[in-house]
Protein backbone atom coordinates (compact mmCIF):
# COMPACT_ATOMS: atom_id res chain seq x y z
CA MET A 1 0.00 0.00 0.00
CA ASP A 2 1.50 3.35 -0.99
CA ASP A 3 1.70 6.27 1.43
CA ALA A 4 -1.05 8.28 -0.26
CA HIS A 5 -3.50 5.37 -0.14
CA GLU A 6 -2.63 4.69 3.52
CA ARG A 7 -3.19 8.37 4.44
CA GLU A 8 -6.52 8.37 2.58
CA LEU A 9 -7.57 5.11 4.28
CA SER A 10 -6.54 6.44 7.70
CA ASP A 11 -8.52 9.64 7.14
CA ARG A 12 -11.64 7.72 6.07
CA PHE A 13 -11.25 5.41 9.07
CA ARG A 14 -10.92 8.33 11.49
CA ARG A 15 -14.08 9.92 10.03
CA GLY A 16 -16.05 6.70 10.72
CA ASP A 17 -16.19 5.21 7.22
CA GLU A 18 -17.20 1.59 7.76
CA ARG A 19 -15.81 0.58 4.37
CA ALA A 20 -12.41 1.79 5.54
CA LEU A 21 -12.81 -0.39 8.63
CA GLU A 22 -13.65 -3.36 6.39
CA GLU A 23 -10.55 -2.76 4.29
CA ILE A 24 -8.36 -2.39 7.38
CA TYR A 25 -9.84 -5.55 8.87
CA ARG A 26 -9.27 -7.56 5.68
CA ARG A 27 -5.69 -6.36 5.49
CA TRP A 28 -4.60 -6.55 9.14
CA SER A 29 -6.80 -9.14 10.86
CA PRO A 30 -4.56 -12.07 9.79
CA VAL A 31 -1.56 -10.32 11.37
CA VAL A 32 -3.50 -9.44 14.53
CA PHE A 33 -4.91 -12.97 14.82
CA THR A 34 -1.50 -14.62 14.29
CA MET A 35 0.09 -12.38 16.90
CA ALA A 36 -2.71 -13.07 19.37
CA LEU A 37 -2.56 -16.82 18.77
CA ARG A 38 1.19 -16.83 19.29
CA PHE A 39 0.82 -15.15 22.69
CA VAL A 40 -2.41 -16.61 24.09
CA GLY A 41 -2.01 -20.08 22.59
CA ASP A 42 -5.73 -20.71 22.21
CA ARG A 43 -7.64 -20.22 18.96
CA GLY A 44 -10.86 -19.06 20.67
CA ASP A 45 -9.00 -16.55 22.83
CA ALA A 46 -7.04 -15.35 19.78
CA GLU A 47 -10.32 -14.77 17.93
CA ASP A 48 -11.61 -12.82 20.95
CA VAL A 49 -8.43 -10.72 21.07
CA THR A 50 -8.73 -10.00 17.34
CA GLN A 51 -12.32 -8.89 17.71
CA LYS A 52 -11.57 -6.78 20.77
CA ALA A 53 -8.56 -5.15 19.07
CA PHE A 54 -10.64 -4.03 16.09
CA VAL A 55 -13.55 -2.92 18.27
CA SER A 56 -11.09 -0.89 20.38
CA ALA A 57 -9.55 0.60 17.25
CA TRP A 58 -12.96 1.55 15.90
CA THR A 59 -14.24 3.08 19.14
CA SER A 60 -11.04 5.07 19.67
CA ARG A 61 -10.40 5.96 16.02
CA GLU A 62 -10.57 9.71 16.68
CA ARG A 63 -7.43 9.40 18.83
CA PHE A 64 -5.40 7.81 16.05
CA ASP A 65 -2.79 10.31 14.91
CA PRO A 66 -1.22 9.37 11.56
CA THR A 67 1.59 11.88 12.18
CA LYS A 68 2.77 9.81 15.16
CA ALA A 69 2.41 6.25 13.85
CA LYS A 70 1.25 4.19 10.93
CA LEU A 71 -2.17 2.62 11.21
CA SER A 72 -0.61 -0.86 11.34
CA THR A 73 1.69 0.16 14.23
CA TRP A 74 -1.27 1.60 16.11
CA LEU A 75 -3.29 -1.62 15.57
CA ILE A 76 -0.39 -3.73 16.85
CA ALA A 77 -0.15 -1.56 19.99
CA ILE A 78 -3.87 -2.04 20.60
CA THR A 79 -3.49 -5.78 20.00
CA ARG A 80 -0.70 -5.99 22.58
CA ARG A 81 -2.97 -4.35 25.16
CA ARG A 82 -5.84 -6.74 24.36
CA ILE A 83 -3.42 -9.70 24.64
CA ALA A 84 -2.26 -8.43 28.04
CA ASP A 85 -5.89 -8.00 29.13
CA THR A 86 -6.67 -11.56 28.04
CA LEU A 87 -3.68 -13.04 29.84
CA GLU A 88 -4.51 -11.06 32.98
CA ALA A 89 -8.15 -12.19 32.84
CA ARG A 90 -7.01 -15.78 32.34
CA THR A 91 -4.87 -15.51 35.49
CA ARG A 92 -7.82 -14.10 37.44
CA VAL A 93 -10.14 -16.84 36.17
CA ARG A 94 -7.66 -19.54 37.20
CA ALA A 95 -7.37 -18.04 40.68
CA LEU A 96 -11.16 -17.87 40.97
CA GLN A 97 -11.51 -21.42 39.68
CA ALA A 98 -9.04 -22.60 42.30
CA GLU A 99 -11.04 -20.73 44.94
CA LEU A 100 -14.29 -22.30 43.72
CA GLN A 101 -12.70 -25.73 43.66
CA ARG A 102 -12.00 -25.27 47.36
CA PHE A 103 -15.75 -25.07 47.89
CA THR A 104 -16.77 -27.75 45.43
CA THR A 105 -14.31 -30.53 46.23
CA PRO A 106 -13.72 -32.40 49.46
CA ASP A 107 -10.24 -30.88 50.00
CA ASP A 108 -11.09 -29.67 53.48
CA VAL A 109 -12.25 -33.00 54.81
CA VAL A 110 -12.46 -33.07 58.57
CA GLY A 111 -13.12 -36.45 60.12
CA GLY A 112 -14.12 -37.78 56.68
CA GLU A 113 -16.88 -35.17 56.17
CA VAL A 114 -17.08 -32.39 53.62
CA ASP A 115 -17.92 -28.93 55.00
CA LEU A 116 -21.59 -28.95 54.06
CA GLY A 117 -22.00 -25.28 54.99
CA ASP A 118 -19.49 -24.16 52.34
CA ARG A 119 -21.10 -26.36 49.71
CA LEU A 120 -24.59 -25.05 50.53
CA LEU A 121 -23.39 -21.44 50.49
CA LEU A 122 -21.77 -21.92 47.10
CA ALA A 123 -24.84 -23.70 45.71
CA ASP A 124 -27.02 -20.81 46.90
CA GLU A 125 -24.73 -18.24 45.27
CA ILE A 126 -24.72 -20.20 42.01
CA ASP A 127 -28.53 -20.29 42.10
CA ARG A 128 -28.52 -16.47 42.20
CA LEU A 129 -26.75 -16.24 38.84
CA GLU A 130 -28.76 -15.50 35.71
CA PRO A 131 -30.07 -18.72 34.06
CA ASP A 132 -27.53 -18.98 31.20
CA ALA A 133 -24.60 -18.19 33.49
CA ARG A 134 -25.86 -20.70 36.07
CA ARG A 135 -26.03 -23.48 33.44
CA VAL A 136 -22.55 -22.66 32.16
CA VAL A 137 -21.01 -22.60 35.67
CA ARG A 138 -22.67 -25.87 36.66
CA LEU A 139 -21.45 -27.61 33.50
CA ALA A 140 -17.94 -26.24 34.01
CA PHE A 141 -17.53 -27.04 37.69
CA TYR A 142 -19.91 -29.85 38.51
CA ASP A 143 -19.82 -31.75 35.21
CA ASP A 144 -16.17 -30.76 34.57
CA LEU A 145 -16.80 -29.89 30.91
CA THR A 146 -14.38 -27.79 28.87
CA HIS A 147 -15.43 -24.44 27.45
CA GLU A 148 -15.70 -26.02 24.01
CA GLN A 149 -17.89 -28.87 25.30
CA ILE A 150 -20.19 -26.39 27.05
CA SER A 151 -20.41 -24.33 23.86
CA GLU A 152 -21.43 -27.38 21.87
CA ARG A 153 -23.87 -28.70 24.46
CA LEU A 154 -25.68 -25.38 24.91
CA GLY A 155 -25.34 -24.19 21.31
CA MET A 156 -23.69 -21.04 22.62
CA PRO A 157 -20.70 -19.26 21.04
CA LEU A 158 -17.39 -20.10 22.73
CA GLY A 159 -16.72 -16.45 23.58
CA THR A 160 -20.11 -16.21 25.30
CA VAL A 161 -19.35 -19.30 27.39
CA LYS A 162 -16.02 -17.81 28.46
CA SER A 163 -17.64 -14.47 29.26
CA HIS A 164 -20.31 -16.15 31.40
CA ILE A 165 -17.64 -18.02 33.35
CA ARG A 166 -15.48 -14.91 33.87
CA ARG A 167 -18.38 -12.73 34.98
CA SER A 168 -19.87 -15.46 37.17
CA LEU A 169 -16.59 -16.21 38.90
CA THR A 170 -16.06 -12.52 39.58
CA ARG A 171 -19.57 -12.21 41.03
CA LEU A 172 -19.21 -15.35 43.12
CA ARG A 173 -15.85 -14.28 44.47
CA SER A 174 -17.08 -10.82 45.46
CA ARG A 175 -20.18 -12.29 47.13
CA LEU A 176 -18.16 -14.88 48.99
CA GLU A 177 -15.59 -12.29 50.09
CA VAL A 178 -18.32 -9.92 51.25
CA GLY A 179 -19.69 -12.75 53.37
CA HIS A 180 -16.20 -13.25 54.84
CA VAL A 181 -16.18 -16.76 53.49
CA ALA A 182 -13.24 -16.56 51.11
CA PRO A 183 -9.80 -15.79 52.56
């Protein structure tokens, strides 16, 4: 792409021309996706990062300054931030999953008995989730299904399944911490 065409494309993009966005997406989404896949290691997460990077670019397009960077450089910077967000969220989800496992498995067996109070409290909190989120959480933690298996079983997009789990774990953790149950 020559400099004049890139400047014209950048200007159209900044003005909100959706055709410019389409052209930018066609040209740069393979690069963004490959970069995301390399860092996050999961195709579904890489697709989410790609989508989030382009949504971020579109919603913040007025801040793009072609005198400071090329459009491709700006997209890569946004992609790096979305990758970091994804990796950070993954770390939080794992920590929350470990916390939930403490309540859903007999790790704290005293005298051969599971702490029924913790299990009942967790079951009650799960029941307070919205119906789709509740089904997803139960399949993930009680039936031990993968995100992909849940997606197939419920006919729900993989990204939606992951979002339900992330939001639900965050809600459960905050509720359990408020109740002074979680350490």
